[in-house]
Amino acid sequence: MNSGAEVETYYENGVWKNRRLDCDQPFSTGGSRLRQLAEGAEVARWNGACHIVRDIDGTIVETIIYGSGPYPPRSPIKTARRPAESP
């Protein structure tokens, strides 16, 4: 299903970043969390890959899987979110 490496949006040294998991260097840095989430999702969508979203503390909060093909869907195939913590 995945034709490209997974994409990860993460927080490091006070900055939100995006990287492909087969590379150590980020392809996008800076700006708001929302901007980095949008850029990470777009790259994952282009590659028909999985987009992993991490929280500031490094825990995975969401995994979004995009399909591949000549006309990949704009919406994810599957989304998994971390369950909400009870008070």
Protein backbone atom coordinates (compact mmCIF):
# COMPACT_ATOMS: atom_id res chain seq x y z
CA MET A 1 0.00 0.00 0.00
CA ASN A 2 2.75 2.51 0.89
CA SER A 3 4.85 3.62 -2.05
CA GLY A 4 6.99 6.03 -0.03
CA ALA A 5 8.58 6.31 3.36
CA GLU A 6 6.42 7.30 6.29
CA VAL A 7 6.29 11.00 7.14
CA GLU A 8 6.62 12.19 10.73
CA THR A 9 5.63 15.55 12.24
CA TYR A 10 7.51 16.10 15.50
CA TYR A 11 8.75 18.74 17.95
CA GLU A 12 12.48 19.15 18.57
CA ASN A 13 14.47 21.92 20.26
CA GLY A 14 11.49 24.27 20.37
CA VAL A 15 10.62 23.87 16.68
CA TRP A 16 7.99 21.80 14.83
CA LYS A 17 9.49 19.75 11.98
CA ASN A 18 8.66 17.16 9.31
CA ARG A 19 10.85 14.36 8.04
CA ARG A 20 10.63 11.12 6.14
CA LEU A 21 11.52 8.23 8.40
CA ASP A 22 14.15 6.96 5.95
CA CYS A 23 16.10 10.22 6.39
CA ASP A 24 17.62 11.90 9.45
CA GLN A 25 17.25 15.46 8.13
CA PRO A 26 13.87 17.26 8.22
CA PHE A 27 12.44 18.47 4.91
CA SER A 28 10.40 21.21 6.61
CA THR A 29 11.02 23.20 9.80
CA GLY A 30 9.63 26.20 11.62
CA GLY A 31 6.28 27.86 11.69
CA SER A 32 3.30 26.74 13.69
CA ARG A 33 2.32 23.19 14.55
CA LEU A 34 -0.68 23.49 12.27
CA ARG A 35 1.47 24.53 9.30
CA GLN A 36 3.84 21.60 9.84
CA LEU A 37 0.89 19.20 10.17
CA ALA A 38 -0.50 20.45 6.85
CA GLU A 39 2.85 20.13 5.07
CA GLY A 40 3.48 16.66 6.52
CA ALA A 41 0.01 15.49 5.49
CA GLU A 42 0.47 16.81 1.95
CA VAL A 43 3.80 15.00 1.47
CA ALA A 44 2.35 11.77 2.89
CA ARG A 45 -0.66 12.12 0.59
CA TRP A 46 1.57 12.67 -2.48
CA ASN A 47 3.57 9.55 -1.64
CA GLY A 48 0.66 7.36 -0.57
CA ALA A 49 2.39 6.98 2.76
CA CYS A 50 1.58 7.03 6.46
CA HIS A 51 1.70 10.34 8.40
CA ILE A 52 2.77 9.95 12.02
CA VAL A 53 1.98 12.88 14.33
CA ARG A 54 3.88 13.21 17.60
CA ASP A 55 3.11 15.40 20.60
CA ILE A 56 5.66 17.74 22.20
CA ASP A 57 6.76 14.93 24.53
CA GLY A 58 7.36 12.57 21.59
CA THR A 59 4.36 10.27 22.03
CA ILE A 60 2.43 9.33 18.91
CA VAL A 61 -0.97 11.02 19.01
CA GLU A 62 -2.20 10.19 15.52
CA THR A 63 -1.35 7.93 12.59
CA ILE A 64 -2.96 8.73 9.25
CA ILE A 65 -2.71 6.34 6.30
CA TYR A 66 -3.10 7.65 2.75
CA GLY A 67 -3.67 5.48 -0.31
CA SER A 68 -1.48 5.29 -3.38
CA GLY A 69 -2.24 5.07 -7.05
CA PRO A 70 -2.46 7.32 -10.08
CA TYR A 71 -5.21 9.38 -8.43
CA PRO A 72 -4.73 9.07 -4.66
CA PRO A 73 -7.68 10.09 -2.49
CA ARG A 74 -7.56 13.44 -0.72
CA SER A 75 -8.93 11.86 2.44
CA PRO A 76 -7.08 9.31 4.55
CA ILE A 77 -7.87 5.63 4.24
CA LYS A 78 -7.51 5.11 7.99
CA THR A 79 -6.84 7.31 11.02
CA ALA A 80 -5.82 6.08 14.46
CA ARG A 81 -5.76 8.47 17.41
CA ARG A 82 -4.41 8.00 20.90
CA PRO A 83 -7.31 7.53 23.34
CA ALA A 84 -8.08 10.50 25.56
CA GLU A 85 -6.74 10.24 29.08
CA SER A 86 -9.26 10.03 31.90
CA PRO A 87 -9.17 12.73 34.58
